[in-house]
């Protein structure tokens, strides 16, 4: 998670129900790609 409010968005966050099968890989991929683009844009000179 990119923010410190993950526990409010995911009731299983860091608990017994926080298992791999509950991950949203499509969303994780979209966020990772967007973050990589943002970093690349910010580091261009």
PDB file of N, CA and C in Angstrom:
ATOM      1  N   UNK A   1       0.837  -1.174   0.000  1.00  0.00           N
ATOM      2  CA  UNK A   1       0.000   0.000   0.000  1.00  0.00           C
ATOM      3  C   UNK A   1       0.885   1.241   0.000  1.00  0.00           C
ATOM      4  N   UNK A   2       0.416   2.240  -0.697  1.00  0.00           N
ATOM      5  CA  UNK A   2       1.208   3.467  -0.804  1.00  0.00           C
ATOM      6  C   UNK A   2       0.904   4.475   0.289  1.00  0.00           C
ATOM      7  N   UNK A   3      -0.134   4.247   1.049  1.00  0.00           N
ATOM      8  CA  UNK A   3      -0.486   5.193   2.104  1.00  0.00           C
ATOM      9  C   UNK A   3      -0.534   4.474   3.444  1.00  0.00           C
ATOM     10  N   UNK A   4      -0.703   5.232   4.491  1.00  0.00           N
ATOM     11  CA  UNK A   4      -0.761   4.617   5.822  1.00  0.00           C
ATOM     12  C   UNK A   4      -2.186   4.295   6.261  1.00  0.00           C
ATOM     13  N   UNK A   5      -3.121   4.260   5.330  1.00  0.00           N
ATOM     14  CA  UNK A   5      -4.518   3.970   5.676  1.00  0.00           C
ATOM     15  C   UNK A   5      -4.976   2.596   5.159  1.00  0.00           C
ATOM     16  N   UNK A   6      -4.031   1.727   4.860  1.00  0.00           N
ATOM     17  CA  UNK A   6      -4.370   0.412   4.313  1.00  0.00           C
ATOM     18  C   UNK A   6      -5.312  -0.358   5.232  1.00  0.00           C
ATOM     19  N   UNK A   7      -5.101  -0.208   6.521  1.00  0.00           N
ATOM     20  CA  UNK A   7      -5.946  -0.946   7.470  1.00  0.00           C
ATOM     21  C   UNK A   7      -7.410  -0.511   7.411  1.00  0.00           C
ATOM     22  N   UNK A   8      -7.686   0.689   6.900  1.00  0.00           N
ATOM     23  CA  UNK A   8      -9.075   1.144   6.752  1.00  0.00           C
ATOM     24  C   UNK A   8      -9.694   0.621   5.462  1.00  0.00           C
ATOM     25  N   UNK A   9      -8.876   0.341   4.457  1.00  0.00           N
ATOM     26  CA  UNK A   9      -9.380  -0.145   3.169  1.00  0.00           C
ATOM     27  C   UNK A   9      -9.446  -1.666   3.094  1.00  0.00           C
ATOM     28  N   UNK A  10      -8.661  -2.346   3.917  1.00  0.00           N
ATOM     29  CA  UNK A  10      -8.583  -3.800   3.849  1.00  0.00           C
ATOM     30  C   UNK A  10      -8.717  -4.368   5.263  1.00  0.00           C
ATOM     31  N   UNK A  11      -9.857  -4.959   5.579  1.00  0.00           N
ATOM     32  CA  UNK A  11     -10.069  -5.471   6.941  1.00  0.00           C
ATOM     33  C   UNK A  11      -9.136  -6.634   7.302  1.00  0.00           C
ATOM     34  N   UNK A  12      -8.485  -7.229   6.313  1.00  0.00           N
ATOM     35  CA  UNK A  12      -7.584  -8.356   6.553  1.00  0.00           C
ATOM     36  C   UNK A  12      -6.132  -7.926   6.685  1.00  0.00           C
ATOM     37  N   UNK A  13      -5.859  -6.628   6.548  1.00  0.00           N
ATOM     38  CA  UNK A  13      -4.491  -6.101   6.525  1.00  0.00           C
ATOM     39  C   UNK A  13      -3.704  -6.530   7.764  1.00  0.00           C
ATOM     40  N   UNK A  14      -2.610  -7.246   7.529  1.00  0.00           N
ATOM     41  CA  UNK A  14      -1.706  -7.740   8.575  1.00  0.00           C
ATOM     42  C   UNK A  14      -2.420  -8.556   9.653  1.00  0.00           C
ATOM     43  N   UNK A  15      -3.445  -9.280   9.233  1.00  0.00           N
ATOM     44  CA  UNK A  15      -4.154 -10.160  10.159  1.00  0.00           C
ATOM     45  C   UNK A  15      -4.131 -11.584   9.635  1.00  0.00           C
ATOM     46  N   UNK A  16      -4.770 -12.500  10.325  1.00  0.00           N
ATOM     47  CA  UNK A  16      -4.785 -13.911   9.907  1.00  0.00           C
ATOM     48  C   UNK A  16      -5.390 -14.118   8.517  1.00  0.00           C
ATOM     49  N   UNK A  17      -6.306 -13.224   8.116  1.00  0.00           N
ATOM     50  CA  UNK A  17      -6.942 -13.348   6.799  1.00  0.00           C
ATOM     51  C   UNK A  17      -6.175 -12.664   5.688  1.00  0.00           C
ATOM     52  N   UNK A  18      -5.008 -12.108   5.989  1.00  0.00           N
ATOM     53  CA  UNK A  18      -4.192 -11.404   4.997  1.00  0.00           C
ATOM     54  C   UNK A  18      -3.372 -12.430   4.225  1.00  0.00           C
ATOM     55  N   UNK A  19      -4.025 -13.054   3.243  1.00  0.00           N
ATOM     56  CA  UNK A  19      -3.410 -14.135   2.480  1.00  0.00           C
ATOM     57  C   UNK A  19      -3.293 -13.751   1.009  1.00  0.00           C
ATOM     58  N   UNK A  20      -2.424 -14.451   0.301  1.00  0.00           N
ATOM     59  CA  UNK A  20      -2.129 -14.168  -1.103  1.00  0.00           C
ATOM     60  C   UNK A  20      -3.385 -14.196  -1.971  1.00  0.00           C
ATOM     61  N   UNK A  21      -4.310 -15.079  -1.668  1.00  0.00           N
ATOM     62  CA  UNK A  21      -5.510 -15.197  -2.495  1.00  0.00           C
ATOM     63  C   UNK A  21      -6.426 -13.980  -2.390  1.00  0.00           C
ATOM     64  N   UNK A  22      -6.194 -13.100  -1.454  1.00  0.00           N
ATOM     65  CA  UNK A  22      -7.015 -11.904  -1.297  1.00  0.00           C
ATOM     66  C   UNK A  22      -6.417 -10.678  -1.999  1.00  0.00           C
ATOM     67  N   UNK A  23      -5.229 -10.813  -2.562  1.00  0.00           N
ATOM     68  CA  UNK A  23      -4.578  -9.691  -3.241  1.00  0.00           C
ATOM     69  C   UNK A  23      -5.250  -9.407  -4.580  1.00  0.00           C
ATOM     70  N   UNK A  24      -5.326  -8.147  -4.928  1.00  0.00           N
ATOM     71  CA  UNK A  24      -5.896  -7.714  -6.203  1.00  0.00           C
ATOM     72  C   UNK A  24      -4.729  -7.398  -7.136  1.00  0.00           C
ATOM     73  N   UNK A  25      -4.260  -8.408  -7.853  1.00  0.00           N
ATOM     74  CA  UNK A  25      -3.065  -8.265  -8.670  1.00  0.00           C
ATOM     75  C   UNK A  25      -3.248  -7.268  -9.820  1.00  0.00           C
ATOM     76  N   UNK A  26      -4.444  -7.150 -10.351  1.00  0.00           N
ATOM     77  CA  UNK A  26      -4.694  -6.183 -11.425  1.00  0.00           C
ATOM     78  C   UNK A  26      -4.471  -4.760 -10.912  1.00  0.00           C
ATOM     79  N   UNK A  27      -5.009  -4.458  -9.747  1.00  0.00           N
ATOM     80  CA  UNK A  27      -4.832  -3.127  -9.165  1.00  0.00           C
ATOM     81  C   UNK A  27      -3.378  -2.892  -8.777  1.00  0.00           C
ATOM     82  N   UNK A  28      -2.739  -3.891  -8.201  1.00  0.00           N
ATOM     83  CA  UNK A  28      -1.328  -3.764  -7.834  1.00  0.00           C
ATOM     84  C   UNK A  28      -0.488  -3.451  -9.068  1.00  0.00           C
ATOM     85  N   UNK A  29      -0.775  -4.116 -10.170  1.00  0.00           N
ATOM     86  CA  UNK A  29      -0.038  -3.883 -11.414  1.00  0.00           C
ATOM     87  C   UNK A  29      -0.254  -2.470 -11.923  1.00  0.00           C
ATOM     88  N   UNK A  30      -1.507  -2.015 -11.946  1.00  0.00           N
ATOM     89  CA  UNK A  30      -1.800  -0.652 -12.417  1.00  0.00           C
ATOM     90  C   UNK A  30      -1.089   0.392 -11.561  1.00  0.00           C
ATOM     91  N   UNK A  31      -1.118   0.222 -10.248  1.00  0.00           N
ATOM     92  CA  UNK A  31      -0.469   1.178  -9.352  1.00  0.00           C
ATOM     93  C   UNK A  31       1.044   1.174  -9.511  1.00  0.00           C
ATOM     94  N   UNK A  32       1.618  -0.004  -9.687  1.00  0.00           N
ATOM     95  CA  UNK A  32       3.063  -0.112  -9.857  1.00  0.00           C
ATOM     96  C   UNK A  32       3.514   0.557 -11.148  1.00  0.00           C
ATOM     97  N   UNK A  33       2.788   0.332 -12.221  1.00  0.00           N
ATOM     98  CA  UNK A  33       3.119   0.962 -13.506  1.00  0.00           C
ATOM     99  C   UNK A  33       2.986   2.478 -13.395  1.00  0.00           C
ATOM    100  N   UNK A  34       1.930   2.947 -12.775  1.00  0.00           N
ATOM    101  CA  UNK A  34       1.727   4.395 -12.614  1.00  0.00           C
ATOM    102  C   UNK A  34       2.832   5.010 -11.755  1.00  0.00           C
ATOM    103  N   UNK A  35       3.217   4.335 -10.688  1.00  0.00           N
ATOM    104  CA  UNK A  35       4.280   4.835  -9.825  1.00  0.00           C
ATOM    105  C   UNK A  35       5.610   4.880 -10.568  1.00  0.00           C
ATOM    106  N   UNK A  36       5.903   3.854 -11.351  1.00  0.00           N
ATOM    107  CA  UNK A  36       7.147   3.829 -12.132  1.00  0.00           C
ATOM    108  C   UNK A  36       7.176   4.981 -13.132  1.00  0.00           C
ATOM    109  N   UNK A  37       6.048   5.249 -13.787  1.00  0.00           N
ATOM    110  CA  UNK A  37       5.974   6.372 -14.728  1.00  0.00           C
ATOM    111  C   UNK A  37       6.173   7.700 -14.022  1.00  0.00           C
ATOM    112  N   UNK A  38       5.565   7.857 -12.853  1.00  0.00           N
ATOM    113  CA  UNK A  38       5.710   9.097 -12.103  1.00  0.00           C
ATOM    114  C   UNK A  38       7.159   9.312 -11.679  1.00  0.00           C
ATOM    115  N   UNK A  39       7.805   8.276 -11.197  1.00  0.00           N
ATOM    116  CA  UNK A  39       9.209   8.392 -10.792  1.00  0.00           C
ATOM    117  C   UNK A  39      10.083   8.717 -11.987  1.00  0.00           C
ATOM    118  N   UNK A  40       9.829   8.084 -13.102  1.00  0.00           N
ATOM    119  CA  UNK A  40      10.612   8.347 -14.309  1.00  0.00           C
ATOM    120  C   UNK A  40      10.438   9.799 -14.751  1.00  0.00           C
ATOM    121  N   UNK A  41       9.217  10.299 -14.681  1.00  0.00           N
ATOM    122  CA  UNK A  41       8.943  11.685 -15.047  1.00  0.00           C
ATOM    123  C   UNK A  41       9.645  12.649 -14.111  1.00  0.00           C
ATOM    124  N   UNK A  42       9.634  12.365 -12.820  1.00  0.00           N
ATOM    125  CA  UNK A  42      10.238  13.266 -11.828  1.00  0.00           C
ATOM    126  C   UNK A  42      11.769  13.255 -11.879  1.00  0.00           C
ATOM    127  N   UNK A  43      12.349  12.169 -12.389  1.00  0.00           N
ATOM    128  CA  UNK A  43      13.802  12.085 -12.400  1.00  0.00           C
ATOM    129  C   UNK A  43      14.421  12.494 -13.722  1.00  0.00           C
ATOM    130  N   UNK A  44      13.609  12.849 -14.701  1.00  0.00           N
ATOM    131  CA  UNK A  44      14.143  13.336 -15.988  1.00  0.00           C
ATOM    132  C   UNK A  44      14.710  14.731 -15.806  1.00  0.00           C
ATOM    133  N   UNK A  45      15.829  14.975 -16.435  1.00  0.00           N
ATOM    134  CA  UNK A  45      16.423  16.318 -16.374  1.00  0.00           C
ATOM    135  C   UNK A  45      16.881  16.742 -17.726  1.00  0.00           C
TER     136      UNK A  45
END
